[in-house]
Protein backbone atom coordinates (compact mmCIF):
# COMPACT_ATOMS: atom_id res chain seq x y z
CA MET A 1 -51.08 37.92 18.37
CA GLU A 2 -51.23 37.01 14.68
CA LEU A 3 -48.52 34.92 12.99
CA TRP A 4 -48.16 33.21 9.62
CA ILE A 5 -47.30 29.57 9.06
CA PRO A 6 -46.64 27.47 5.92
CA TYR A 7 -49.63 25.77 4.30
CA GLY A 8 -49.09 24.04 0.98
CA GLU A 9 -47.69 26.50 -1.55
CA THR A 10 -48.58 29.51 0.57
CA GLU A 11 -48.99 30.62 4.20
CA ILE A 12 -52.01 31.09 6.43
CA PRO A 13 -52.56 33.28 9.50
CA ILE A 14 -52.86 31.88 13.00
CA ARG A 15 -54.12 33.95 15.91
CA VAL A 16 -53.04 33.13 19.45
CA PRO A 17 -54.18 35.09 22.54
CA ASP A 18 -51.23 36.94 24.04
CA ASP A 19 -51.70 35.25 27.41
CA ASN A 20 -51.48 31.81 25.81
CA PHE A 21 -48.60 32.39 23.42
CA TYR A 22 -45.38 30.72 24.57
CA LYS A 23 -42.95 30.76 21.65
CA ILE A 24 -42.55 30.38 17.90
CA LEU A 25 -39.71 28.26 16.53
CA GLU A 26 -38.29 28.59 13.04
CA PRO A 27 -34.94 27.80 11.43
CA LYS A 28 -32.26 30.42 11.82
CA LYS A 29 -31.65 32.60 8.82
CA PRO A 30 -28.90 30.76 6.92
CA ALA A 31 -25.66 32.24 5.75
CA GLN A 32 -25.00 32.34 2.01
CA THR A 33 -23.28 29.12 1.00
CA ASP A 34 -21.65 27.93 -2.20
CA ILE A 35 -22.99 24.39 -2.56
CA SER A 36 -20.31 23.38 -5.07
CA LYS A 37 -17.63 24.51 -2.65
CA LEU A 38 -19.24 22.59 0.20
CA ILE A 39 -19.25 19.43 -1.93
CA GLN A 40 -15.64 19.88 -3.00
CA GLU A 41 -14.48 20.47 0.57
CA SER A 42 -16.39 17.44 1.80
CA LEU A 43 -14.77 15.19 -0.82
CA LYS A 44 -11.34 16.50 0.16
CA HIS A 45 -11.95 15.93 3.88
CA PRO A 46 -14.25 12.91 4.25
CA VAL A 47 -15.35 11.49 7.61
CA ASN A 48 -12.59 9.30 9.09
CA ASP A 49 -10.48 10.14 6.01
CA PHE A 50 -12.42 7.57 3.96
CA GLN A 51 -11.14 8.77 0.58
CA LEU A 52 -12.99 8.01 -2.63
CA SER A 53 -9.65 7.32 -4.32
CA ASN A 54 -9.08 4.32 -2.03
CA SER A 55 -12.07 2.51 -3.57
CA VAL A 56 -11.14 3.08 -7.21
CA LYS A 57 -9.19 0.55 -9.28
CA PRO A 58 -8.46 0.39 -13.02
CA GLY A 59 -11.59 -0.58 -14.91
CA THR A 60 -13.89 0.32 -12.02
CA THR A 61 -17.57 0.73 -12.86
CA ALA A 62 -19.19 3.30 -10.59
CA GLY A 63 -22.86 3.48 -9.72
CA ILE A 64 -24.33 6.72 -8.38
CA LEU A 65 -27.67 6.30 -6.60
CA VAL A 66 -29.66 9.50 -6.07
CA ASP A 67 -32.47 10.08 -3.57
CA PRO A 68 -35.09 12.33 -5.25
CA ILE A 69 -35.74 14.11 -1.95
CA LEU A 70 -32.53 16.00 -2.74
CA PRO A 71 -33.35 19.28 -4.56
CA LEU A 72 -32.81 19.01 -8.31
CA SER A 73 -30.23 21.81 -8.47
CA VAL A 74 -28.19 20.10 -5.75
CA GLN A 75 -28.46 16.75 -7.52
CA ASN A 76 -27.09 18.26 -10.73
CA GLN A 77 -24.17 20.01 -9.04
CA ALA A 78 -23.21 16.91 -7.05
CA ILE A 79 -23.39 14.64 -10.09
CA GLU A 80 -21.20 16.94 -12.20
CA ILE A 81 -18.59 17.22 -9.45
CA LEU A 82 -18.56 13.45 -8.91
CA LYS A 83 -18.26 12.80 -12.64
CA SER A 84 -15.25 15.09 -12.77
CA LYS A 85 -13.69 13.57 -9.64
CA LEU A 86 -14.18 10.00 -10.87
CA GLY A 87 -12.80 10.94 -14.26
CA GLU A 88 -9.63 12.23 -12.60
CA LEU A 89 -9.34 8.87 -10.81
CA GLY A 90 -9.58 6.96 -14.09
CA VAL A 91 -13.22 5.88 -13.90
CA ASP A 92 -14.76 6.10 -17.35
CA LYS A 93 -17.91 4.01 -16.82
CA ILE A 94 -20.53 5.56 -14.54
CA ARG A 95 -24.16 4.45 -14.16
CA PHE A 96 -26.77 6.70 -12.61
CA PHE A 97 -29.77 5.47 -10.64
CA LEU A 98 -32.74 7.14 -8.99
CA ARG A 99 -34.26 5.94 -5.79
CA HIS A 100 -37.96 5.37 -6.44
CA ARG A 101 -40.16 5.69 -3.36
CA THR A 102 -43.24 3.55 -2.93
CA SER A 103 -45.20 6.70 -2.03
CA ASN A 104 -46.12 9.59 -4.29
CA VAL A 105 -44.01 12.34 -2.69
CA GLU A 106 -41.48 12.49 -5.49
CA ALA A 107 -42.09 12.01 -9.16
CA ARG A 108 -39.43 11.58 -11.81
CA PRO A 109 -37.48 14.84 -12.16
CA ALA A 110 -38.62 16.76 -15.23
CA GLN A 111 -35.38 18.68 -15.75
CA GLN A 112 -32.75 16.20 -14.66
CA GLU A 113 -29.57 16.97 -16.60
CA THR A 114 -28.21 13.41 -16.34
CA PRO A 115 -30.45 10.49 -17.45
CA LEU A 116 -31.18 8.23 -14.48
CA ASN A 117 -32.31 4.61 -14.35
CA ILE A 118 -35.20 4.29 -11.90
CA PHE A 119 -35.52 1.32 -9.56
CA ASP A 120 -39.06 0.02 -9.06
CA PRO A 121 -39.51 -2.15 -5.94
CA ARG A 122 -42.30 -4.07 -7.70
CA ASP A 123 -39.98 -5.37 -10.44
CA LYS A 124 -38.28 -8.77 -10.28
CA THR A 125 -34.76 -7.49 -10.80
CA PHE A 126 -33.30 -8.17 -7.36
CA THR A 127 -30.58 -10.39 -5.94
CA GLU A 128 -31.20 -12.14 -2.64
CA LEU A 129 -28.36 -11.62 -0.15
CA GLY A 130 -29.68 -13.48 2.89
CA LYS A 131 -31.59 -12.51 6.01
CA THR A 132 -30.90 -9.96 8.73
CA SER A 133 -31.03 -10.86 12.41
CA GLN A 134 -34.61 -9.54 12.42
CA GLY A 135 -35.57 -11.94 9.63
CA THR A 136 -35.70 -9.45 6.75
CA ASN A 137 -34.97 -11.18 3.45
CA VAL A 138 -32.59 -8.69 1.83
CA GLN A 139 -33.15 -8.31 -1.91
CA ILE A 140 -31.13 -5.56 -3.62
CA GLU A 141 -31.34 -4.27 -7.18
CA ASN A 142 -29.15 -6.31 -9.56
CA GLU A 143 -27.77 -3.36 -11.52
CA LEU A 144 -26.58 -1.61 -8.38
CA LEU A 145 -24.84 -4.72 -7.07
CA ALA A 146 -23.12 -5.16 -10.44
CA CYS A 147 -21.19 -1.90 -9.96
CA ASP A 148 -17.71 -2.09 -8.43
CA LEU A 149 -18.12 1.21 -6.57
CA ASN A 150 -21.41 2.53 -5.25
CA ILE A 151 -21.95 6.17 -4.31
CA VAL A 152 -25.19 7.41 -2.73
CA LEU A 153 -26.48 10.99 -2.69
CA GLY A 154 -28.98 11.75 0.05
CA MET A 155 -30.32 14.38 2.43
CA VAL A 156 -30.84 14.05 6.16
CA THR A 157 -34.36 14.86 7.38
CA PRO A 158 -36.45 13.44 10.26
CA HIS A 159 -38.33 10.22 9.54
CA PHE A 160 -41.03 8.69 11.70
CA ALA A 161 -39.88 5.08 11.13
CA SER A 162 -36.08 5.10 10.79
CA GLY A 163 -35.37 8.30 12.72
CA PHE A 164 -33.74 10.06 9.78
CA THR A 165 -33.43 9.82 6.03
CA GLY A 166 -30.11 10.28 4.24
CA GLY A 167 -28.41 7.14 5.50
CA PRO A 168 -29.09 3.44 5.07
CA ASP A 169 -32.62 4.13 3.84
CA ILE A 170 -31.24 4.92 0.40
CA VAL A 171 -30.38 1.21 0.18
CA LEU A 172 -33.36 -0.10 2.18
CA PRO A 173 -35.95 0.86 1.03
CA GLY A 174 -34.26 2.85 -1.76
CA SER A 175 -32.92 -0.03 -3.85
CA SER A 176 -34.78 -2.96 -2.28
CA SER A 177 -37.69 -5.15 -3.32
CA LEU A 178 -41.22 -4.59 -2.06
CA GLU A 179 -40.93 -7.75 0.05
CA THR A 180 -37.80 -6.44 1.76
CA ILE A 181 -39.32 -3.02 2.39
CA ALA A 182 -42.50 -4.48 3.87
CA LYS A 183 -40.63 -6.79 6.24
CA ASN A 184 -38.41 -3.92 7.42
CA ARG A 185 -41.34 -1.58 8.06
CA SER A 186 -43.28 -4.34 9.85
CA LEU A 187 -40.69 -4.07 12.64
CA MET A 188 -42.62 -1.00 13.81
CA ILE A 189 -45.09 -3.47 15.35
CA LYS A 190 -42.44 -4.15 18.02
CA GLY A 191 -42.23 -0.47 18.99
CA ILE A 192 -41.87 3.03 17.57
CA PRO A 193 -38.93 4.93 19.10
CA GLY A 194 -38.60 8.71 19.19
CA PRO A 195 -36.47 10.74 16.76
CA GLY A 196 -32.75 10.31 17.35
CA ASP A 197 -33.18 7.13 19.42
CA PHE A 198 -30.77 4.95 17.45
CA LYS A 199 -30.28 2.19 20.01
CA GLU A 200 -33.93 1.18 20.21
CA ASN A 201 -34.84 1.72 16.56
CA LEU A 202 -35.26 -1.74 15.03
CA VAL A 203 -36.13 -0.33 11.59
CA LEU A 204 -32.87 1.60 11.46
CA SER A 205 -30.67 -1.22 12.79
CA ASP A 206 -32.26 -3.57 10.26
CA GLU A 207 -31.49 -1.09 7.46
CA LEU A 208 -27.87 -0.78 8.58
CA GLU A 209 -27.48 -4.54 8.67
CA ALA A 210 -28.91 -4.83 5.15
CA CYS A 211 -26.44 -2.19 3.93
CA LYS A 212 -23.49 -4.17 5.27
CA MET A 213 -24.77 -7.25 3.45
CA ALA A 214 -24.90 -5.26 0.20
CA GLY A 215 -21.28 -4.07 0.45
CA THR A 216 -19.53 -0.76 1.01
CA PHE A 217 -21.27 2.47 0.02
CA TYR A 218 -19.61 5.85 -0.31
CA SER A 219 -22.07 8.50 0.88
CA LEU A 220 -22.38 12.15 -0.01
CA SER A 221 -24.95 13.49 2.42
CA PHE A 222 -26.57 16.95 2.61
CA ILE A 223 -28.19 18.81 5.51
CA PRO A 224 -30.93 21.34 4.62
CA ASP A 225 -30.75 24.82 6.11
CA GLY A 226 -34.51 25.33 6.40
CA SER A 227 -34.67 27.92 3.60
CA GLU A 228 -34.47 25.74 0.49
CA GLY A 229 -30.67 25.70 0.74
CA ILE A 230 -27.92 23.47 2.13
CA ASP A 231 -26.27 23.98 5.51
CA SER A 232 -23.46 21.44 5.21
CA VAL A 233 -22.21 18.35 3.36
CA PHE A 234 -20.49 15.22 4.66
CA SER A 235 -18.88 12.38 2.72
CA GLY A 236 -17.27 9.02 3.43
CA GLU A 237 -18.42 5.55 4.44
CA LEU A 238 -22.21 5.45 4.68
CA GLU A 239 -22.82 4.64 8.35
CA ALA A 240 -20.09 6.95 9.65
CA VAL A 241 -21.41 9.80 7.49
CA PHE A 242 -24.97 9.13 8.61
CA ARG A 243 -24.07 9.47 12.28
CA GLU A 244 -22.07 12.66 11.66
CA THR A 245 -24.85 14.27 9.62
CA VAL A 246 -27.52 13.41 12.19
CA ALA A 247 -25.38 14.94 14.96
CA ARG A 248 -24.98 18.11 12.91
CA TYR A 249 -28.69 18.11 12.02
CA LEU A 250 -29.67 18.02 15.68
CA GLN A 251 -27.31 20.91 16.41
CA ILE A 252 -29.10 23.22 14.00
CA HIS A 253 -32.68 21.89 13.86
CA SER A 254 -33.38 20.69 17.40
CA PRO A 255 -34.05 23.90 19.35
CA LYS A 256 -34.28 23.76 23.14
CA VAL A 257 -37.37 24.86 25.03
CA ASP A 258 -37.63 25.23 28.80
CA ARG A 259 -40.97 23.49 29.19
CA LYS A 260 -43.43 21.15 27.52
CA SER A 261 -46.43 23.00 26.12
CA ASP A 262 -50.11 22.24 26.42
CA VAL A 263 -50.55 22.90 22.70
CA VAL A 264 -47.98 22.51 19.92
CA VAL A 265 -48.72 23.65 16.38
CA VAL A 266 -46.67 21.88 13.69
CA ALA A 267 -46.75 22.92 10.04
CA ALA A 268 -46.10 19.91 7.77
CA GLY A 269 -44.74 22.06 4.95
CA LYS A 270 -45.11 21.92 1.18
CA ILE A 271 -43.90 18.38 0.47
CA LEU A 272 -45.00 16.30 3.45
CA GLY A 273 -48.15 18.39 3.82
CA MET A 274 -49.41 17.51 0.36
CA ASP A 275 -51.35 14.50 1.70
CA LEU A 276 -52.33 13.00 5.04
CA TYR A 277 -50.22 9.84 4.61
CA HIS A 278 -47.07 11.95 4.78
CA GLY A 279 -48.42 14.83 6.86
CA VAL A 280 -49.07 12.75 9.99
CA ARG A 281 -45.40 11.71 10.03
CA VAL A 282 -44.30 15.12 11.31
CA LEU A 283 -46.23 14.48 14.53
CA SER A 284 -43.24 12.56 15.88
CA ASN A 285 -41.14 15.74 15.68
CA ALA A 286 -43.47 17.38 18.23
CA PHE A 287 -43.61 14.58 20.79
CA GLY A 288 -40.69 15.92 22.83
CA ALA A 289 -42.27 19.36 23.20
CA VAL A 290 -45.89 18.58 24.11
CA LYS A 291 -47.30 17.41 27.43
CA THR A 292 -48.73 13.92 27.72
CA GLU A 293 -52.41 14.15 26.75
CA GLY A 294 -51.74 17.64 25.41
CA THR A 295 -52.85 18.81 21.97
CA ILE A 296 -50.92 18.77 18.71
CA ILE A 297 -52.36 20.88 15.90
CA LEU A 298 -51.18 19.47 12.59
CA VAL A 299 -51.34 22.04 9.79
CA ALA A 300 -51.22 20.09 6.51
CA GLU A 301 -53.15 21.25 3.48
CA CYS A 302 -53.54 17.72 2.03
CA SER A 303 -54.21 19.09 -1.45
CA LYS A 304 -53.63 15.57 -2.83
CA GLY A 305 -56.00 13.91 -0.39
CA ILE A 306 -55.20 10.90 1.77
CA GLY A 307 -52.20 9.75 -0.28
CA ASN A 308 -52.34 5.99 0.31
CA GLN A 309 -55.25 3.59 -0.01
CA GLU A 310 -53.94 1.05 2.52
CA PHE A 311 -53.47 3.81 5.10
CA LEU A 312 -57.13 4.74 4.64
CA GLU A 313 -58.33 1.13 4.59
CA TYR A 314 -56.51 0.07 7.76
CA SER A 315 -57.49 3.23 9.63
CA ARG A 316 -61.17 2.65 8.75
CA ARG A 317 -61.22 -1.06 9.51
CA PHE A 318 -59.39 -1.05 12.82
CA SER A 319 -60.39 1.53 15.39
CA GLU A 320 -58.58 -0.37 18.15
CA LYS A 321 -54.79 -0.60 18.11
CA LYS A 322 -54.71 -4.19 19.35
CA ASP A 323 -56.93 -5.31 16.44
CA LEU A 324 -54.74 -3.43 13.98
CA VAL A 325 -51.57 -5.02 15.38
CA THR A 326 -53.13 -8.49 15.17
CA GLU A 327 -54.00 -7.92 11.51
CA MET A 328 -50.53 -6.53 10.75
CA ARG A 329 -48.87 -9.59 12.28
CA HIS A 330 -50.82 -11.85 9.94
CA ARG A 331 -51.20 -9.74 6.80
CA PHE A 332 -48.85 -6.78 6.78
CA LYS A 333 -49.24 -4.22 4.01
CA LEU A 334 -47.25 -1.04 3.48
CA GLY A 335 -49.48 1.80 4.63
CA SER A 336 -50.71 -0.05 7.71
CA HIS A 337 -47.54 1.01 9.56
CA VAL A 338 -48.52 4.67 9.18
CA SER A 339 -51.96 3.84 10.55
CA LEU A 340 -50.28 2.18 13.55
CA PHE A 341 -48.05 5.22 14.08
CA LEU A 342 -51.09 7.53 14.06
CA GLN A 343 -53.00 5.33 16.51
CA GLU A 344 -50.05 5.38 18.91
CA ALA A 345 -49.90 9.17 18.64
CA LEU A 346 -53.62 9.41 19.39
CA GLU A 347 -53.19 7.28 22.52
CA LYS A 348 -50.86 9.93 23.98
CA HIS A 349 -52.19 13.22 22.59
CA ARG A 350 -55.24 14.98 21.23
CA ILE A 351 -54.61 15.77 17.58
CA GLN A 352 -56.36 18.42 15.53
CA LEU A 353 -55.98 18.68 11.77
CA VAL A 354 -56.12 21.86 9.71
CA SER A 355 -56.57 20.79 6.09
CA VAL A 356 -58.87 20.84 3.08
CA LEU A 357 -59.97 17.23 3.70
CA PRO A 358 -63.67 16.61 4.32
CA ASP A 359 -64.48 16.18 8.01
CA LEU A 360 -65.74 12.68 7.16
CA TYR A 361 -62.18 11.53 6.53
CA SER A 362 -60.47 13.46 9.33
CA ARG A 363 -62.90 12.59 12.09
CA ASP A 364 -64.54 9.31 11.13
CA SER A 365 -61.69 7.51 9.35
CA PHE A 366 -58.68 8.77 11.31
CA LYS A 367 -60.13 10.01 14.64
CA LEU A 368 -58.61 13.47 14.13
CA LYS A 369 -60.43 16.63 15.21
CA PRO A 370 -60.89 18.72 12.05
CA SER A 371 -60.62 22.50 11.86
CA ARG A 372 -61.04 24.72 8.84
CA THR A 373 -58.56 27.34 10.08
CA ALA A 374 -55.52 27.32 12.33
CA SER A 375 -57.05 30.07 14.47
CA SER A 376 -60.20 28.05 15.17
CA ALA A 377 -58.00 25.07 16.07
CA ILE A 378 -56.22 27.26 18.63
CA GLN A 379 -59.53 28.35 20.13
CA GLN A 380 -60.76 24.76 20.39
CA SER A 381 -57.53 23.55 21.96
CA ILE A 382 -57.53 26.29 24.62
CA ARG A 383 -61.11 25.39 25.55
CA VAL A 384 -59.98 21.78 26.06
CA GLU A 385 -56.59 22.41 27.70
CA GLY A 386 -57.73 25.29 29.87
CA LYS A 387 -57.52 29.07 29.76
CA GLU A 388 -53.92 28.99 31.09
CA ALA A 389 -52.75 26.71 28.27
CA LYS A 390 -49.45 27.65 26.63
CA VAL A 391 -49.05 27.39 22.85
CA LEU A 392 -45.82 26.58 21.00
CA ILE A 393 -45.70 27.11 17.23
CA VAL A 394 -43.22 25.23 15.02
CA ARG A 395 -43.19 26.84 11.55
CA ARG A 396 -41.10 24.07 9.98
CA GLY A 397 -42.59 21.05 11.68
CA ASP A 398 -41.20 18.88 8.90
CA LEU A 399 -37.62 19.83 9.81
CA MET A 400 -37.48 20.92 13.45
CA ILE A 401 -37.37 18.62 16.48
CA PRO A 402 -37.80 20.78 19.61
CA ILE A 403 -36.81 19.21 22.92
CA VAL A 404 -36.96 20.33 26.53
CA GLN A 405 -33.63 21.62 27.81
CA SER A 406 -32.44 19.37 30.64
CA SER A 407 -31.35 21.26 33.76
């Protein structure tokens, strides 16, 4: 059987013997949606009836913070609708901000219709608000705190550290100092929970606590449909919206399977698959669908290489997890947390990588088994897992979180 899976800007074939093929998962074909209408309806019917009008007073200065992971066309539509809505409520002073990520996934939008001020976590333009219960020194951007009303625009997608984007992460790390971000991410040393595990996720609970210290945020949150569009929109108080959007996300992007597979193929997609630093993050989406000590085949073109120097440095220097953890406790650097995540994944599963990276990097620096093609990776994995091995293919490994259906 021959199938096609995403790989960078294009797709590549993958051949799976009929006897080994179990299933292919991909997002359902979405219905046509009017994004402007979805936004308008969401603002009219916010979660818990948390109306934007209740936060507006005469002379209010509004700040709108945008996460660049949100598609540019959606950003522009949301901003125009919010400007109109705020104008109707008597707000005539609006400041626009862009969340700047410490990684290189998003650059400054080239065709942004509204000029945006960009936060840089390396600047010294932050106000210290105190410490969270986990000891994170919360430092938030001055200009954002100066606004009377703060509105955040984000999109919910799986995230290996916080569980999901589109919630408190737009404040921490989105408008926080480098020191605050590093302390928050260092909490991964204490344990890395699975996607959707809110109770045990220290990174997420720390982010939520930091948000409360920074004040009230009105959130307009989008859920992708898997075909470059938007499935639904929620608005209201940030934490309540986050929980609603995650619940909806899991309804549409967490397909049920009736068994764990010996081999799971996950395609990292165009954005996360551009480099290894982001590509390995989609591995967590496959953990619920692969057997312990089974094989995950990560298909990530990595056209931009490794993506983070610290990720490479820590992976090269520390081949043992205990040595890496010891170093991180004493001298934590952003990037080392991704190395820790990968080492934990390698303790539980065999991981093959289909990419354009030289084998030297894949095998020697990161302990991944390199393959030039997805089909050769399948052949190798079946030789290791056995001729009866079953193969599950996840075309949108960056979005989908398959789980075994409980009986």
